[in-house]
PDB file of N, CA and C in Angstrom:
ATOM      1  N   UNK A   1      28.126 -17.968  29.393  1.00  0.00           N
ATOM      2  CA  UNK A   1      28.407 -18.571  30.650  1.00  0.00           C
ATOM      3  C   UNK A   1      27.244 -19.214  31.305  1.00  0.00           C
ATOM      4  N   UNK A   2      26.075 -19.238  30.522  1.00  0.00           N
ATOM      5  CA  UNK A   2      24.867 -19.762  31.102  1.00  0.00           C
ATOM      6  C   UNK A   2      24.892 -21.313  31.470  1.00  0.00           C
ATOM      7  N   UNK A   3      25.817 -22.062  30.641  1.00  0.00           N
ATOM      8  CA  UNK A   3      25.979 -23.543  30.938  1.00  0.00           C
ATOM      9  C   UNK A   3      26.373 -23.818  32.397  1.00  0.00           C
ATOM     10  N   UNK A   4      27.506 -23.115  32.811  1.00  0.00           N
ATOM     11  CA  UNK A   4      27.957 -23.355  34.151  1.00  0.00           C
ATOM     12  C   UNK A   4      27.026 -22.904  35.290  1.00  0.00           C
ATOM     13  N   UNK A   5      26.264 -21.744  34.951  1.00  0.00           N
ATOM     14  CA  UNK A   5      25.224 -21.189  35.816  1.00  0.00           C
ATOM     15  C   UNK A   5      24.106 -22.189  36.040  1.00  0.00           C
ATOM     16  N   UNK A   6      23.755 -22.810  34.906  1.00  0.00           N
ATOM     17  CA  UNK A   6      22.617 -23.817  35.022  1.00  0.00           C
ATOM     18  C   UNK A   6      23.093 -24.982  35.783  1.00  0.00           C
ATOM     19  N   UNK A   7      24.275 -25.486  35.594  1.00  0.00           N
ATOM     20  CA  UNK A   7      24.731 -26.532  36.337  1.00  0.00           C
ATOM     21  C   UNK A   7      24.865 -26.260  37.908  1.00  0.00           C
ATOM     22  N   UNK A   8      25.300 -25.105  38.105  1.00  0.00           N
ATOM     23  CA  UNK A   8      25.436 -24.668  39.529  1.00  0.00           C
ATOM     24  C   UNK A   8      24.061 -24.524  40.262  1.00  0.00           C
ATOM     25  N   UNK A   9      23.105 -24.022  39.603  1.00  0.00           N
ATOM     26  CA  UNK A   9      21.719 -24.071  40.180  1.00  0.00           C
ATOM     27  C   UNK A   9      21.028 -25.384  40.176  1.00  0.00           C
ATOM     28  N   UNK A  10      21.298 -26.251  39.397  1.00  0.00           N
ATOM     29  CA  UNK A  10      20.717 -27.524  39.386  1.00  0.00           C
ATOM     30  C   UNK A  10      21.352 -28.406  40.510  1.00  0.00           C
ATOM     31  N   UNK A  11      22.756 -28.235  40.632  1.00  0.00           N
ATOM     32  CA  UNK A  11      23.451 -28.892  41.760  1.00  0.00           C
ATOM     33  C   UNK A  11      22.902 -28.295  43.202  1.00  0.00           C
ATOM     34  N   UNK A  12      22.768 -27.061  43.202  1.00  0.00           N
ATOM     35  CA  UNK A  12      22.181 -26.430  44.405  1.00  0.00           C
ATOM     36  C   UNK A  12      20.834 -26.959  44.685  1.00  0.00           C
ATOM     37  N   UNK A  13      19.909 -27.117  43.732  1.00  0.00           N
ATOM     38  CA  UNK A  13      18.498 -27.678  43.992  1.00  0.00           C
ATOM     39  C   UNK A  13      18.701 -29.077  44.460  1.00  0.00           C
ATOM     40  N   UNK A  14      19.505 -29.761  43.813  1.00  0.00           N
ATOM     41  CA  UNK A  14      19.859 -31.314  44.246  1.00  0.00           C
ATOM     42  C   UNK A  14      20.211 -31.385  45.618  1.00  0.00           C
ATOM     43  N   UNK A  15      21.077 -30.566  46.100  1.00  0.00           N
ATOM     44  CA  UNK A  15      21.525 -30.464  47.467  1.00  0.00           C
ATOM     45  C   UNK A  15      20.385 -30.040  48.358  1.00  0.00           C
ATOM     46  N   UNK A  16      19.502 -29.191  47.942  1.00  0.00           N
ATOM     47  CA  UNK A  16      18.460 -28.706  48.633  1.00  0.00           C
ATOM     48  C   UNK A  16      17.544 -29.896  48.871  1.00  0.00           C
ATOM     49  N   UNK A  17      17.314 -30.650  47.780  1.00  0.00           N
ATOM     50  CA  UNK A  17      16.502 -31.986  48.037  1.00  0.00           C
ATOM     51  C   UNK A  17      17.076 -32.970  49.017  1.00  0.00           C
ATOM     52  N   UNK A  18      18.384 -32.950  48.990  1.00  0.00           N
ATOM     53  CA  UNK A  18      19.110 -33.825  50.074  1.00  0.00           C
ATOM     54  C   UNK A  18      18.924 -33.297  51.512  1.00  0.00           C
ATOM     55  N   UNK A  19      18.886 -32.046  51.678  1.00  0.00           N
ATOM     56  CA  UNK A  19      18.656 -31.354  52.789  1.00  0.00           C
ATOM     57  C   UNK A  19      17.290 -31.838  53.500  1.00  0.00           C
ATOM     58  N   UNK A  20      16.323 -31.644  52.545  1.00  0.00           N
ATOM     59  CA  UNK A  20      14.838 -32.117  52.905  1.00  0.00           C
ATOM     60  C   UNK A  20      14.902 -33.593  53.264  1.00  0.00           C
ATOM     61  N   UNK A  21      15.482 -34.441  52.478  1.00  0.00           N
ATOM     62  CA  UNK A  21      15.508 -35.790  52.821  1.00  0.00           C
ATOM     63  C   UNK A  21      16.175 -36.224  53.966  1.00  0.00           C
ATOM     64  N   UNK A  22      17.331 -35.645  54.199  1.00  0.00           N
ATOM     65  CA  UNK A  22      18.068 -35.866  55.395  1.00  0.00           C
ATOM     66  C   UNK A  22      17.477 -35.440  56.761  1.00  0.00           C
ATOM     67  N   UNK A  23      16.838 -34.230  56.609  1.00  0.00           N
ATOM     68  CA  UNK A  23      15.951 -33.744  57.759  1.00  0.00           C
ATOM     69  C   UNK A  23      14.774 -34.722  58.185  1.00  0.00           C
ATOM     70  N   UNK A  24      14.127 -35.317  57.164  1.00  0.00           N
ATOM     71  CA  UNK A  24      13.071 -36.154  57.357  1.00  0.00           C
ATOM     72  C   UNK A  24      13.646 -37.494  57.953  1.00  0.00           C
ATOM     73  N   UNK A  25      14.854 -37.831  57.607  1.00  0.00           N
ATOM     74  CA  UNK A  25      15.477 -39.106  58.220  1.00  0.00           C
ATOM     75  C   UNK A  25      16.100 -38.947  59.534  1.00  0.00           C
ATOM     76  N   UNK A  26      15.994 -37.798  60.179  1.00  0.00           N
ATOM     77  CA  UNK A  26      16.573 -37.457  61.449  1.00  0.00           C
ATOM     78  C   UNK A  26      18.082 -37.654  61.365  1.00  0.00           C
ATOM     79  N   UNK A  27      18.797 -37.159  60.194  1.00  0.00           N
ATOM     80  CA  UNK A  27      20.195 -37.211  60.134  1.00  0.00           C
ATOM     81  C   UNK A  27      20.959 -36.236  61.101  1.00  0.00           C
ATOM     82  N   UNK A  28      22.263 -36.348  61.471  1.00  0.00           N
ATOM     83  CA  UNK A  28      22.933 -35.457  62.356  1.00  0.00           C
ATOM     84  C   UNK A  28      22.650 -34.008  61.829  1.00  0.00           C
ATOM     85  N   UNK A  29      22.535 -32.998  62.744  1.00  0.00           N
ATOM     86  CA  UNK A  29      22.423 -31.546  62.329  1.00  0.00           C
ATOM     87  C   UNK A  29      23.582 -31.101  61.691  1.00  0.00           C
ATOM     88  N   UNK A  30      24.792 -31.553  61.908  1.00  0.00           N
ATOM     89  CA  UNK A  30      26.045 -31.094  61.151  1.00  0.00           C
ATOM     90  C   UNK A  30      25.972 -31.338  59.757  1.00  0.00           C
ATOM     91  N   UNK A  31      25.449 -32.627  59.298  1.00  0.00           N
ATOM     92  CA  UNK A  31      25.318 -32.979  57.947  1.00  0.00           C
ATOM     93  C   UNK A  31      24.355 -32.034  57.282  1.00  0.00           C
ATOM     94  N   UNK A  32      23.206 -31.660  58.000  1.00  0.00           N
ATOM     95  CA  UNK A  32      22.068 -30.902  57.294  1.00  0.00           C
ATOM     96  C   UNK A  32      22.609 -29.401  57.209  1.00  0.00           C
ATOM     97  N   UNK A  33      23.346 -28.953  58.044  1.00  0.00           N
ATOM     98  CA  UNK A  33      23.872 -27.680  58.044  1.00  0.00           C
ATOM     99  C   UNK A  33      24.883 -27.451  56.904  1.00  0.00           C
ATOM    100  N   UNK A  34      25.772 -28.463  56.682  1.00  0.00           N
ATOM    101  CA  UNK A  34      26.739 -28.460  55.631  1.00  0.00           C
ATOM    102  C   UNK A  34      26.078 -28.479  54.294  1.00  0.00           C
ATOM    103  N   UNK A  35      25.096 -29.311  54.239  1.00  0.00           N
ATOM    104  CA  UNK A  35      24.234 -29.434  52.843  1.00  0.00           C
ATOM    105  C   UNK A  35      23.589 -28.149  52.618  1.00  0.00           C
ATOM    106  N   UNK A  36      23.013 -27.627  53.682  1.00  0.00           N
ATOM    107  CA  UNK A  36      22.294 -26.393  53.425  1.00  0.00           C
ATOM    108  C   UNK A  36      23.298 -25.101  52.957  1.00  0.00           C
ATOM    109  N   UNK A  37      24.311 -25.092  53.567  1.00  0.00           N
ATOM    110  CA  UNK A  37      25.498 -24.123  53.188  1.00  0.00           C
ATOM    111  C   UNK A  37      25.799 -24.344  51.691  1.00  0.00           C
ATOM    112  N   UNK A  38      26.106 -25.601  51.398  1.00  0.00           N
ATOM    113  CA  UNK A  38      26.427 -25.959  50.047  1.00  0.00           C
ATOM    114  C   UNK A  38      25.499 -25.662  49.065  1.00  0.00           C
ATOM    115  N   UNK A  39      24.233 -25.919  49.434  1.00  0.00           N
ATOM    116  CA  UNK A  39      23.137 -25.647  48.471  1.00  0.00           C
ATOM    117  C   UNK A  39      22.935 -24.161  48.153  1.00  0.00           C
ATOM    118  N   UNK A  40      22.907 -23.418  49.236  1.00  0.00           N
ATOM    119  CA  UNK A  40      22.836 -21.921  49.230  1.00  0.00           C
ATOM    120  C   UNK A  40      23.988 -21.377  48.332  1.00  0.00           C
ATOM    121  N   UNK A  41      25.140 -21.844  48.596  1.00  0.00           N
ATOM    122  CA  UNK A  41      26.338 -21.233  47.859  1.00  0.00           C
ATOM    123  C   UNK A  41      26.188 -21.559  46.316  1.00  0.00           C
ATOM    124  N   UNK A  42      25.863 -22.820  45.968  1.00  0.00           N
ATOM    125  CA  UNK A  42      25.624 -23.080  44.504  1.00  0.00           C
ATOM    126  C   UNK A  42      24.592 -22.364  43.945  1.00  0.00           C
ATOM    127  N   UNK A  43      23.496 -22.163  44.511  1.00  0.00           N
ATOM    128  CA  UNK A  43      22.394 -21.372  43.905  1.00  0.00           C
ATOM    129  C   UNK A  43      22.832 -19.925  43.871  1.00  0.00           C
ATOM    130  N   UNK A  44      23.240 -19.329  44.783  1.00  0.00           N
ATOM    131  CA  UNK A  44      23.788 -17.906  44.680  1.00  0.00           C
ATOM    132  C   UNK A  44      24.857 -17.776  43.712  1.00  0.00           C
ATOM    133  N   UNK A  45      25.882 -18.772  43.531  1.00  0.00           N
ATOM    134  CA  UNK A  45      26.880 -18.501  42.453  1.00  0.00           C
ATOM    135  C   UNK A  45      26.124 -18.667  41.122  1.00  0.00           C
ATOM    136  N   UNK A  46      25.177 -19.487  40.904  1.00  0.00           N
ATOM    137  CA  UNK A  46      24.714 -19.681  39.690  1.00  0.00           C
ATOM    138  C   UNK A  46      23.734 -18.352  39.329  1.00  0.00           C
ATOM    139  N   UNK A  47      23.044 -17.868  40.184  1.00  0.00           N
ATOM    140  CA  UNK A  47      22.411 -16.643  39.923  1.00  0.00           C
ATOM    141  C   UNK A  47      23.276 -15.416  39.707  1.00  0.00           C
ATOM    142  N   UNK A  48      24.372 -15.299  40.441  1.00  0.00           N
ATOM    143  CA  UNK A  48      25.306 -14.279  40.372  1.00  0.00           C
ATOM    144  C   UNK A  48      25.948 -14.189  38.867  1.00  0.00           C
ATOM    145  N   UNK A  49      26.252 -15.587  38.356  1.00  0.00           N
ATOM    146  CA  UNK A  49      26.821 -15.769  37.091  1.00  0.00           C
ATOM    147  C   UNK A  49      25.867 -15.299  36.032  1.00  0.00           C
ATOM    148  N   UNK A  50      24.541 -15.652  36.251  1.00  0.00           N
ATOM    149  CA  UNK A  50      23.542 -15.403  35.116  1.00  0.00           C
ATOM    150  C   UNK A  50      23.454 -13.791  35.128  1.00  0.00           C
ATOM    151  N   UNK A  51      23.547 -13.164  36.223  1.00  0.00           N
ATOM    152  CA  UNK A  51      23.220 -11.762  36.342  1.00  0.00           C
ATOM    153  C   UNK A  51      24.627 -10.934  35.882  1.00  0.00           C
ATOM    154  N   UNK A  52      25.532 -11.698  35.682  1.00  0.00           N
ATOM    155  CA  UNK A  52      26.956 -11.113  35.168  1.00  0.00           C
ATOM    156  C   UNK A  52      27.587 -10.447  36.218  1.00  0.00           C
ATOM    157  N   UNK A  53      27.349 -10.649  37.355  1.00  0.00           N
ATOM    158  CA  UNK A  53      28.061  -9.894  38.478  1.00  0.00           C
ATOM    159  C   UNK A  53      29.318 -10.687  38.849  1.00  0.00           C
ATOM    160  N   UNK A  54      29.361 -11.952  38.813  1.00  0.00           N
ATOM    161  CA  UNK A  54      30.406 -12.790  39.205  1.00  0.00           C
ATOM    162  C   UNK A  54      30.907 -13.523  37.899  1.00  0.00           C
ATOM    163  N   UNK A  55      31.995 -13.191  37.321  1.00  0.00           N
ATOM    164  CA  UNK A  55      32.524 -13.896  36.118  1.00  0.00           C
ATOM    165  C   UNK A  55      33.256 -15.125  36.446  1.00  0.00           C
TER     166      UNK A  55
END
């Protein structure tokens, strides 16, 4: 199941880059918060799948 885990982590890192970019562009705080939550959820889900905790 490492393929899906890798995709989740890559998407999470992509979203984290979006958070950084949007914060530098002074985008609305709501957008930044939603992207941050989505980024963390993707990265955590990918790590949990790699560890075998979440199938």
